[in-house]
All heavy atoms as atom14 arrays in JSON, in Angstrom:
{
  "sequence": "IAIQRDYKVFSLLKYEQQNDREVLKQFSISAPFEYFYACFLSF",
  "atom14_mask": [
    [1, 1, 1, 1, 1, 1, 1, 1, 0, 0, 0, 0, 0, 0],
    [1, 1, 1, 1, 1, 0, 0, 0, 0, 0, 0, 0, 0, 0],
    [1, 1, 1, 1, 1, 1, 1, 1, 0, 0, 0, 0, 0, 0],
    [1, 1, 1, 1, 1, 1, 1, 1, 1, 0, 0, 0, 0, 0],
    [1, 1, 1, 1, 1, 1, 1, 1, 1, 1, 1, 0, 0, 0],
    [1, 1, 1, 1, 1, 1, 1, 1, 0, 0, 0, 0, 0, 0],
    [1, 1, 1, 1, 1, 1, 1, 1, 1, 1, 1, 1, 0, 0],
    [1, 1, 1, 1, 1, 1, 1, 1, 1, 0, 0, 0, 0, 0],
    [1, 1, 1, 1, 1, 1, 1, 0, 0, 0, 0, 0, 0, 0],
    [1, 1, 1, 1, 1, 1, 1, 1, 1, 1, 1, 0, 0, 0],
    [1, 1, 1, 1, 1, 1, 0, 0, 0, 0, 0, 0, 0, 0],
    [1, 1, 1, 1, 1, 1, 1, 1, 0, 0, 0, 0, 0, 0],
    [1, 1, 1, 1, 1, 1, 1, 1, 0, 0, 0, 0, 0, 0],
    [1, 1, 1, 1, 1, 1, 1, 1, 1, 0, 0, 0, 0, 0],
    [1, 1, 1, 1, 1, 1, 1, 1, 1, 1, 1, 1, 0, 0],
    [1, 1, 1, 1, 1, 1, 1, 1, 1, 0, 0, 0, 0, 0],
    [1, 1, 1, 1, 1, 1, 1, 1, 1, 0, 0, 0, 0, 0],
    [1, 1, 1, 1, 1, 1, 1, 1, 1, 0, 0, 0, 0, 0],
    [1, 1, 1, 1, 1, 1, 1, 1, 0, 0, 0, 0, 0, 0],
    [1, 1, 1, 1, 1, 1, 1, 1, 0, 0, 0, 0, 0, 0],
    [1, 1, 1, 1, 1, 1, 1, 1, 1, 1, 1, 0, 0, 0],
    [1, 1, 1, 1, 1, 1, 1, 1, 1, 0, 0, 0, 0, 0],
    [1, 1, 1, 1, 1, 1, 1, 0, 0, 0, 0, 0, 0, 0],
    [1, 1, 1, 1, 1, 1, 1, 1, 0, 0, 0, 0, 0, 0],
    [1, 1, 1, 1, 1, 1, 1, 1, 1, 0, 0, 0, 0, 0],
    [1, 1, 1, 1, 1, 1, 1, 1, 1, 0, 0, 0, 0, 0],
    [1, 1, 1, 1, 1, 1, 1, 1, 1, 1, 1, 0, 0, 0],
    [1, 1, 1, 1, 1, 1, 0, 0, 0, 0, 0, 0, 0, 0],
    [1, 1, 1, 1, 1, 1, 1, 1, 0, 0, 0, 0, 0, 0],
    [1, 1, 1, 1, 1, 1, 0, 0, 0, 0, 0, 0, 0, 0],
    [1, 1, 1, 1, 1, 0, 0, 0, 0, 0, 0, 0, 0, 0],
    [1, 1, 1, 1, 1, 1, 1, 0, 0, 0, 0, 0, 0, 0],
    [1, 1, 1, 1, 1, 1, 1, 1, 1, 1, 1, 0, 0, 0],
    [1, 1, 1, 1, 1, 1, 1, 1, 1, 0, 0, 0, 0, 0],
    [1, 1, 1, 1, 1, 1, 1, 1, 1, 1, 1, 1, 0, 0],
    [1, 1, 1, 1, 1, 1, 1, 1, 1, 1, 1, 0, 0, 0],
    [1, 1, 1, 1, 1, 1, 1, 1, 1, 1, 1, 1, 0, 0],
    [1, 1, 1, 1, 1, 0, 0, 0, 0, 0, 0, 0, 0, 0],
    [1, 1, 1, 1, 1, 1, 0, 0, 0, 0, 0, 0, 0, 0],
    [1, 1, 1, 1, 1, 1, 1, 1, 1, 1, 1, 0, 0, 0],
    [1, 1, 1, 1, 1, 1, 1, 1, 0, 0, 0, 0, 0, 0],
    [1, 1, 1, 1, 1, 1, 0, 0, 0, 0, 0, 0, 0, 0],
    [1, 1, 1, 1, 1, 1, 1, 1, 1, 1, 1, 0, 0, 0]
  ],
  "atom14_positions": [
    [[-26.65, 1.56, 6.34], [-25.97, 1.81, 7.57], [-24.99, 0.67, 7.92], [-23.83, 0.95, 8.31], [-26.99, 1.9, 8.74], [-27.79, 3.22, 8.6], [-26.34, 1.85, 10.13], [-29.03, 3.29, 9.53], [0.0, 0.0, 0.0], [0.0, 0.0, 0.0], [0.0, 0.0, 0.0], [0.0, 0.0, 0.0], [0.0, 0.0, 0.0], [0.0, 0.0, 0.0]],
    [[-25.36, -0.58, 7.61], [-24.47, -1.71, 7.84], [-23.21, -1.62, 6.97], [-22.12, -1.84, 7.41], [-25.24, -3.02, 7.59], [0.0, 0.0, 0.0], [0.0, 0.0, 0.0], [0.0, 0.0, 0.0], [0.0, 0.0, 0.0], [0.0, 0.0, 0.0], [0.0, 0.0, 0.0], [0.0, 0.0, 0.0], [0.0, 0.0, 0.0], [0.0, 0.0, 0.0]],
    [[-23.41, -1.22, 5.7], [-22.3, -1.08, 4.77], [-21.34, 0.03, 5.25], [-20.13, -0.08, 5.1], [-22.75, -0.9, 3.34], [-23.37, -2.19, 2.79], [-21.6, -0.45, 2.42], [-24.05, -2.08, 1.51], [0.0, 0.0, 0.0], [0.0, 0.0, 0.0], [0.0, 0.0, 0.0], [0.0, 0.0, 0.0], [0.0, 0.0, 0.0], [0.0, 0.0, 0.0]],
    [[-21.92, 1.1, 5.76], [-21.06, 2.18, 6.26], [-20.2, 1.7, 7.41], [-19.08, 2.15, 7.56], [-21.97, 3.37, 6.73], [-22.56, 4.11, 5.58], [-23.6, 5.13, 6.06], [-24.15, 5.04, 7.16], [-23.86, 6.11, 5.22], [0.0, 0.0, 0.0], [0.0, 0.0, 0.0], [0.0, 0.0, 0.0], [0.0, 0.0, 0.0], [0.0, 0.0, 0.0]],
    [[-20.72, 0.81, 8.21], [-19.98, 0.24, 9.35], [-19.01, -0.8, 8.98], [-17.91, -0.98, 9.55], [-20.91, -0.23, 10.45], [-21.7, 0.88, 11.07], [-22.41, 0.41, 12.24], [-23.1, 1.6, 12.85], [-23.8, 1.51, 13.9], [-23.97, 0.38, 14.52], [-24.38, 2.58, 14.38], [0.0, 0.0, 0.0], [0.0, 0.0, 0.0], [0.0, 0.0, 0.0]],
    [[-19.4, -1.67, 8.01], [-18.54, -2.71, 7.52], [-18.95, -3.09, 6.09], [-19.95, -3.73, 5.87], [-18.69, -3.99, 8.41], [-17.7, -5.09, 8.09], [-16.96, -4.98, 7.09], [-17.63, -6.03, 8.86], [0.0, 0.0, 0.0], [0.0, 0.0, 0.0], [0.0, 0.0, 0.0], [0.0, 0.0, 0.0], [0.0, 0.0, 0.0], [0.0, 0.0, 0.0]],
    [[-18.1, -2.71, 5.19], [-18.39, -2.87, 3.73], [-18.6, -4.35, 3.36], [-19.18, -4.68, 2.38], [-17.28, -2.26, 2.84], [-15.93, -2.78, 3.15], [-15.49, -3.94, 2.51], [-15.05, -2.1, 4.0], [-14.25, -4.43, 2.71], [-13.82, -2.65, 4.21], [-13.38, -3.77, 3.59], [-12.14, -4.26, 3.84], [0.0, 0.0, 0.0], [0.0, 0.0, 0.0]],
    [[-18.08, -5.27, 4.19], [-18.13, -6.68, 3.87], [-19.59, -7.23, 3.88], [-19.85, -8.29, 3.36], [-17.24, -7.49, 4.77], [-15.81, -7.2, 4.53], [-14.92, -7.94, 5.52], [-13.51, -7.36, 5.47], [-12.93, -7.34, 6.82], [0.0, 0.0, 0.0], [0.0, 0.0, 0.0], [0.0, 0.0, 0.0], [0.0, 0.0, 0.0], [0.0, 0.0, 0.0]],
    [[-20.45, -6.5, 4.53], [-21.89, -6.84, 4.59], [-22.44, -6.96, 3.18], [-23.37, -7.75, 2.92], [-22.69, -5.76, 5.4], [-24.19, -5.94, 5.22], [-22.28, -5.81, 6.86], [0.0, 0.0, 0.0], [0.0, 0.0, 0.0], [0.0, 0.0, 0.0], [0.0, 0.0, 0.0], [0.0, 0.0, 0.0], [0.0, 0.0, 0.0], [0.0, 0.0, 0.0]],
    [[-21.85, -6.26, 2.26], [-22.37, -6.26, 0.86], [-22.42, -7.69, 0.28], [-23.36, -8.03, -0.38], [-21.38, -5.41, 0.0], [-21.87, -5.3, -1.43], [-22.8, -4.35, -1.8], [-21.38, -6.15, -2.43], [-23.22, -4.23, -3.09], [-21.79, -6.02, -3.75], [-22.72, -5.12, -4.1], [0.0, 0.0, 0.0], [0.0, 0.0, 0.0], [0.0, 0.0, 0.0]],
    [[-21.45, -8.53, 0.67], [-21.46, -9.91, 0.13], [-22.59, -10.77, 0.66], [-22.86, -11.8, 0.08], [-20.12, -10.56, 0.43], [-19.94, -10.72, 1.79], [0.0, 0.0, 0.0], [0.0, 0.0, 0.0], [0.0, 0.0, 0.0], [0.0, 0.0, 0.0], [0.0, 0.0, 0.0], [0.0, 0.0, 0.0], [0.0, 0.0, 0.0], [0.0, 0.0, 0.0]],
    [[-23.31, -10.34, 1.73], [-24.38, -11.06, 2.27], [-25.73, -10.66, 1.66], [-26.74, -11.32, 1.97], [-24.44, -10.8, 3.82], [-23.2, -11.21, 4.55], [-23.39, -10.77, 6.03], [-22.92, -12.71, 4.49], [0.0, 0.0, 0.0], [0.0, 0.0, 0.0], [0.0, 0.0, 0.0], [0.0, 0.0, 0.0], [0.0, 0.0, 0.0], [0.0, 0.0, 0.0]],
    [[-25.75, -9.64, 0.89], [-27.03, -9.11, 0.36], [-27.57, -9.96, -0.81], [-26.83, -10.61, -1.49], [-26.82, -7.66, -0.09], [-26.32, -6.68, 0.96], [-26.13, -5.36, 0.35], [-27.29, -6.61, 2.14], [0.0, 0.0, 0.0], [0.0, 0.0, 0.0], [0.0, 0.0, 0.0], [0.0, 0.0, 0.0], [0.0, 0.0, 0.0], [0.0, 0.0, 0.0]],
    [[-28.86, -9.79, -1.02], [-29.49, -10.39, -2.13], [-29.03, -9.64, -3.45], [-28.61, -8.48, -3.39], [-30.99, -10.24, -2.03], [-31.63, -11.03, -0.96], [-33.14, -10.83, -1.03], [-33.84, -11.56, 0.07], [-35.29, -11.34, 0.07], [0.0, 0.0, 0.0], [0.0, 0.0, 0.0], [0.0, 0.0, 0.0], [0.0, 0.0, 0.0], [0.0, 0.0, 0.0]],
    [[-29.12, -10.35, -4.54], [-28.7, -9.79, -5.83], [-29.35, -8.42, -6.08], [-28.68, -7.47, -6.56], [-29.02, -10.75, -6.97], [-28.69, -10.27, -8.3], [-27.33, -10.3, -8.76], [-29.64, -9.76, -9.17], [-27.0, -9.83, -10.02], [-29.3, -9.28, -10.44], [-27.97, -9.34, -10.87], [-27.64, -8.84, -12.1], [0.0, 0.0, 0.0], [0.0, 0.0, 0.0]],
    [[-30.66, -8.32, -5.84], [-31.38, -7.08, -6.08], [-30.8, -5.92, -5.28], [-30.72, -4.79, -5.74], [-32.88, -7.24, -5.78], [-33.57, -8.21, -6.72], [-33.43, -9.67, -6.27], [-33.02, -9.94, -5.1], [-33.57, -10.55, -7.12], [0.0, 0.0, 0.0], [0.0, 0.0, 0.0], [0.0, 0.0, 0.0], [0.0, 0.0, 0.0], [0.0, 0.0, 0.0]],
    [[-30.47, -6.2, -4.04], [-29.93, -5.19, -3.13], [-28.46, -4.79, -3.62], [-28.15, -3.62, -3.54], [-29.89, -5.65, -1.72], [-31.26, -5.68, -1.11], [-31.24, -6.28, 0.32], [-30.74, -7.35, 0.47], [-31.75, -5.55, 1.27], [0.0, 0.0, 0.0], [0.0, 0.0, 0.0], [0.0, 0.0, 0.0], [0.0, 0.0, 0.0], [0.0, 0.0, 0.0]],
    [[-27.72, -5.76, -4.04], [-26.35, -5.43, -4.5], [-26.4, -4.55, -5.77], [-25.46, -3.81, -6.03], [-25.61, -6.71, -4.83], [-25.25, -7.55, -3.67], [-24.61, -8.85, -4.02], [-24.79, -9.4, -5.12], [-23.87, -9.42, -3.06], [0.0, 0.0, 0.0], [0.0, 0.0, 0.0], [0.0, 0.0, 0.0], [0.0, 0.0, 0.0], [0.0, 0.0, 0.0]],
    [[-27.46, -4.62, -6.49], [-27.62, -3.77, -7.69], [-28.4, -2.52, -7.48], [-28.58, -1.75, -8.44], [-28.23, -4.63, -8.84], [-27.23, -5.58, -9.4], [-26.43, -5.27, -10.2], [-27.23, -6.81, -8.89], [0.0, 0.0, 0.0], [0.0, 0.0, 0.0], [0.0, 0.0, 0.0], [0.0, 0.0, 0.0], [0.0, 0.0, 0.0], [0.0, 0.0, 0.0]],
    [[-28.86, -2.28, -6.28], [-29.55, -1.04, -5.96], [-28.54, 0.11, -6.05], [-27.46, 0.01, -5.49], [-30.16, -1.14, -4.56], [-30.85, 0.16, -4.13], [-32.04, 0.27, -4.53], [-30.22, 0.96, -3.47], [0.0, 0.0, 0.0], [0.0, 0.0, 0.0], [0.0, 0.0, 0.0], [0.0, 0.0, 0.0], [0.0, 0.0, 0.0], [0.0, 0.0, 0.0]],
    [[-28.92, 1.15, -6.73], [-28.03, 2.27, -6.98], [-27.4, 2.88, -5.66], [-26.24, 3.12, -5.54], [-28.67, 3.33, -7.8], [-27.67, 4.39, -8.26], [-28.15, 5.09, -9.51], [-27.2, 6.0, -10.0], [-26.18, 5.69, -10.86], [-26.09, 4.52, -11.33], [-25.33, 6.61, -11.28], [0.0, 0.0, 0.0], [0.0, 0.0, 0.0], [0.0, 0.0, 0.0]],
    [[-28.31, 3.11, -4.69], [-27.85, 3.76, -3.44], [-26.95, 2.79, -2.65], [-25.95, 3.21, -2.03], [-29.01, 4.2, -2.58], [-29.74, 5.42, -3.18], [-28.72, 6.62, -3.35], [-27.98, 6.93, -2.43], [-28.72, 7.21, -4.47], [0.0, 0.0, 0.0], [0.0, 0.0, 0.0], [0.0, 0.0, 0.0], [0.0, 0.0, 0.0], [0.0, 0.0, 0.0]],
    [[-27.3, 1.53, -2.6], [-26.52, 0.54, -1.9], [-25.15, 0.42, -2.56], [-24.1, 0.45, -1.89], [-27.25, -0.83, -1.86], [-26.32, -1.9, -1.32], [-28.48, -0.73, -1.0], [0.0, 0.0, 0.0], [0.0, 0.0, 0.0], [0.0, 0.0, 0.0], [0.0, 0.0, 0.0], [0.0, 0.0, 0.0], [0.0, 0.0, 0.0], [0.0, 0.0, 0.0]],
    [[-25.17, 0.31, -3.87], [-23.88, 0.21, -4.62], [-23.04, 1.44, -4.47], [-21.79, 1.36, -4.34], [-24.16, -0.14, -6.09], [-22.96, -0.44, -6.97], [-22.19, -1.58, -6.39], [-23.43, -0.73, -8.34], [0.0, 0.0, 0.0], [0.0, 0.0, 0.0], [0.0, 0.0, 0.0], [0.0, 0.0, 0.0], [0.0, 0.0, 0.0], [0.0, 0.0, 0.0]],
    [[-23.67, 2.57, -4.45], [-22.92, 3.84, -4.24], [-22.19, 3.83, -2.89], [-21.02, 4.14, -2.79], [-23.86, 5.01, -4.33], [-23.23, 6.35, -4.16], [-24.26, 7.48, -4.24], [-23.6, 8.83, -3.92], [-24.62, 9.88, -3.93], [0.0, 0.0, 0.0], [0.0, 0.0, 0.0], [0.0, 0.0, 0.0], [0.0, 0.0, 0.0], [0.0, 0.0, 0.0]],
    [[-22.93, 3.44, -1.81], [-22.34, 3.42, -0.51], [-21.23, 2.4, -0.42], [-20.22, 2.63, 0.18], [-23.39, 3.17, 0.56], [-22.92, 3.31, 1.99], [-22.32, 4.62, 2.25], [-22.94, 5.67, 2.02], [-21.08, 4.69, 2.7], [0.0, 0.0, 0.0], [0.0, 0.0, 0.0], [0.0, 0.0, 0.0], [0.0, 0.0, 0.0], [0.0, 0.0, 0.0]],
    [[-21.46, 1.27, -1.03], [-20.42, 0.21, -1.03], [-19.19, 0.7, -1.74], [-18.09, 0.47, -1.28], [-21.01, -1.06, -1.68], [-19.99, -2.14, -1.87], [-19.34, -2.7, -0.77], [-19.68, -2.59, -3.13], [-18.43, -3.7, -0.95], [-18.72, -3.6, -3.28], [-18.12, -4.16, -2.21], [0.0, 0.0, 0.0], [0.0, 0.0, 0.0], [0.0, 0.0, 0.0]],
    [[-19.36, 1.36, -2.88], [-18.22, 1.91, -3.62], [-17.39, 2.85, -2.82], [-16.17, 2.87, -2.89], [-18.71, 2.6, -4.91], [-19.46, 1.72, -5.71], [0.0, 0.0, 0.0], [0.0, 0.0, 0.0], [0.0, 0.0, 0.0], [0.0, 0.0, 0.0], [0.0, 0.0, 0.0], [0.0, 0.0, 0.0], [0.0, 0.0, 0.0], [0.0, 0.0, 0.0]],
    [[-18.05, 3.68, -2.03], [-17.43, 4.64, -1.2], [-16.72, 4.02, -0.03], [-15.62, 4.37, 0.34], [-18.43, 5.72, -0.7], [-18.97, 6.54, -1.84], [-17.84, 6.57, 0.39], [-20.19, 7.39, -1.49], [0.0, 0.0, 0.0], [0.0, 0.0, 0.0], [0.0, 0.0, 0.0], [0.0, 0.0, 0.0], [0.0, 0.0, 0.0], [0.0, 0.0, 0.0]],
    [[-17.34, 2.98, 0.54], [-16.77, 2.33, 1.75], [-15.7, 1.3, 1.52], [-14.79, 1.17, 2.38], [-17.95, 1.7, 2.54], [-18.95, 2.65, 2.84], [0.0, 0.0, 0.0], [0.0, 0.0, 0.0], [0.0, 0.0, 0.0], [0.0, 0.0, 0.0], [0.0, 0.0, 0.0], [0.0, 0.0, 0.0], [0.0, 0.0, 0.0], [0.0, 0.0, 0.0]],
    [[-15.81, 0.57, 0.49], [-14.88, -0.57, 0.28], [-13.6, -0.19, -0.36], [-13.57, 0.68, -1.22], [-15.59, -1.64, -0.56], [0.0, 0.0, 0.0], [0.0, 0.0, 0.0], [0.0, 0.0, 0.0], [0.0, 0.0, 0.0], [0.0, 0.0, 0.0], [0.0, 0.0, 0.0], [0.0, 0.0, 0.0], [0.0, 0.0, 0.0], [0.0, 0.0, 0.0]],
    [[-12.52, -0.89, 0.0], [-11.26, -0.65, -0.7], [-11.41, -1.21, -2.13], [-12.23, -2.13, -2.35], [-10.25, -1.44, 0.1], [-10.96, -2.2, 1.06], [-12.37, -1.74, 1.11], [0.0, 0.0, 0.0], [0.0, 0.0, 0.0], [0.0, 0.0, 0.0], [0.0, 0.0, 0.0], [0.0, 0.0, 0.0], [0.0, 0.0, 0.0], [0.0, 0.0, 0.0]],
    [[-10.6, -0.78, -3.01], [-10.75, -1.16, -4.44], [-10.67, -2.66, -4.59], [-11.46, -3.28, -5.35], [-9.65, -0.5, -5.28], [-9.67, -1.0, -6.69], [-10.68, -0.52, -7.54], [-8.8, -1.93, -7.16], [-10.77, -1.01, -8.89], [-8.85, -2.37, -8.47], [-9.87, -1.89, -9.31], [0.0, 0.0, 0.0], [0.0, 0.0, 0.0], [0.0, 0.0, 0.0]],
    [[-9.71, -3.33, -3.96], [-9.55, -4.77, -4.11], [-10.79, -5.54, -3.8], [-11.18, -6.49, -4.5], [-8.36, -5.26, -3.3], [-7.0, -4.81, -3.76], [-6.61, -3.38, -3.28], [-7.5, -2.72, -2.6], [-5.52, -2.98, -3.51], [0.0, 0.0, 0.0], [0.0, 0.0, 0.0], [0.0, 0.0, 0.0], [0.0, 0.0, 0.0], [0.0, 0.0, 0.0]],
    [[-11.43, -5.17, -2.7], [-12.71, -5.82, -2.28], [-13.81, -5.47, -3.29], [-14.59, -6.38, -3.64], [-13.1, -5.43, -0.87], [-14.15, -6.35, -0.32], [-13.8, -7.55, 0.28], [-15.46, -5.99, -0.35], [-14.77, -8.4, 0.77], [-16.48, -6.81, 0.18], [-16.12, -8.03, 0.73], [-17.07, -8.89, 1.25], [0.0, 0.0, 0.0], [0.0, 0.0, 0.0]],
    [[-13.92, -4.23, -3.64], [-14.94, -3.85, -4.59], [-14.78, -4.62, -5.88], [-15.73, -5.17, -6.41], [-14.92, -2.33, -4.92], [-15.88, -1.95, -5.98], [-17.16, -1.63, -5.65], [-15.49, -1.95, -7.26], [-18.11, -1.35, -6.63], [-16.44, -1.65, -8.31], [-17.69, -1.32, -7.94], [0.0, 0.0, 0.0], [0.0, 0.0, 0.0], [0.0, 0.0, 0.0]],
    [[-13.59, -4.72, -6.38], [-13.33, -5.36, -7.68], [-13.61, -6.86, -7.6], [-14.15, -7.47, -8.5], [-11.9, -5.1, -8.1], [-11.69, -5.37, -9.63], [-12.26, -4.47, -10.54], [-10.98, -6.47, -10.05], [-12.08, -4.76, -11.88], [-10.81, -6.69, -11.41], [-11.34, -5.8, -12.31], [-11.18, -6.04, -13.66], [0.0, 0.0, 0.0], [0.0, 0.0, 0.0]],
    [[-13.29, -7.49, -6.47], [-13.58, -8.91, -6.25], [-15.12, -9.12, -6.29], [-15.59, -10.07, -6.9], [-13.04, -9.38, -4.93], [0.0, 0.0, 0.0], [0.0, 0.0, 0.0], [0.0, 0.0, 0.0], [0.0, 0.0, 0.0], [0.0, 0.0, 0.0], [0.0, 0.0, 0.0], [0.0, 0.0, 0.0], [0.0, 0.0, 0.0], [0.0, 0.0, 0.0]],
    [[-15.86, -8.19, -5.66], [-17.32, -8.37, -5.67], [-17.87, -8.04, -7.05], [-18.84, -8.66, -7.54], [-17.93, -7.37, -4.65], [-17.69, -7.91, -2.98], [0.0, 0.0, 0.0], [0.0, 0.0, 0.0], [0.0, 0.0, 0.0], [0.0, 0.0, 0.0], [0.0, 0.0, 0.0], [0.0, 0.0, 0.0], [0.0, 0.0, 0.0], [0.0, 0.0, 0.0]],
    [[-17.23, -7.08, -7.76], [-17.64, -6.81, -9.15], [-17.56, -8.04, -10.0], [-18.47, -8.4, -10.75], [-16.79, -5.65, -9.69], [-16.91, -5.45, -11.15], [-18.0, -4.82, -11.68], [-15.91, -5.88, -12.02], [-18.14, -4.62, -13.06], [-16.02, -5.65, -13.4], [-17.14, -5.02, -13.9], [0.0, 0.0, 0.0], [0.0, 0.0, 0.0], [0.0, 0.0, 0.0]],
    [[-16.49, -8.78, -9.86], [-16.28, -10.01, -10.65], [-17.15, -11.15, -10.17], [-17.71, -11.89, -10.98], [-14.81, -10.42, -10.6], [-13.83, -9.47, -11.25], [-12.4, -9.91, -11.03], [-14.12, -9.29, -12.77], [0.0, 0.0, 0.0], [0.0, 0.0, 0.0], [0.0, 0.0, 0.0], [0.0, 0.0, 0.0], [0.0, 0.0, 0.0], [0.0, 0.0, 0.0]],
    [[-17.32, -11.26, -8.87], [-18.05, -12.41, -8.3], [-19.58, -12.25, -8.38], [-20.29, -13.24, -8.66], [-17.73, -12.6, -6.8], [-16.37, -12.81, -6.65], [0.0, 0.0, 0.0], [0.0, 0.0, 0.0], [0.0, 0.0, 0.0], [0.0, 0.0, 0.0], [0.0, 0.0, 0.0], [0.0, 0.0, 0.0], [0.0, 0.0, 0.0], [0.0, 0.0, 0.0]],
    [[-20.09, -11.02, -8.17], [-21.52, -10.84, -8.06], [-22.12, -10.16, -9.29], [-23.32, -9.89, -9.29], [-21.87, -10.03, -6.82], [-21.4, -10.7, -5.53], [-20.52, -10.04, -4.72], [-21.78, -12.01, -5.22], [-20.08, -10.66, -3.54], [-21.33, -12.58, -4.04], [-20.5, -11.9, -3.2], [0.0, 0.0, 0.0], [0.0, 0.0, 0.0], [0.0, 0.0, 0.0]]
  ]
}
């Protein structure tokens, strides 16, 4: 729900949550490419 409201919440999550399939799916849908790609490289 938080990611749906603000995709930047993703950067605050624990590693396990960032790699959860449903969380990552919602983040992919919500975030602009540039932010997604930065998180892909960083996390």
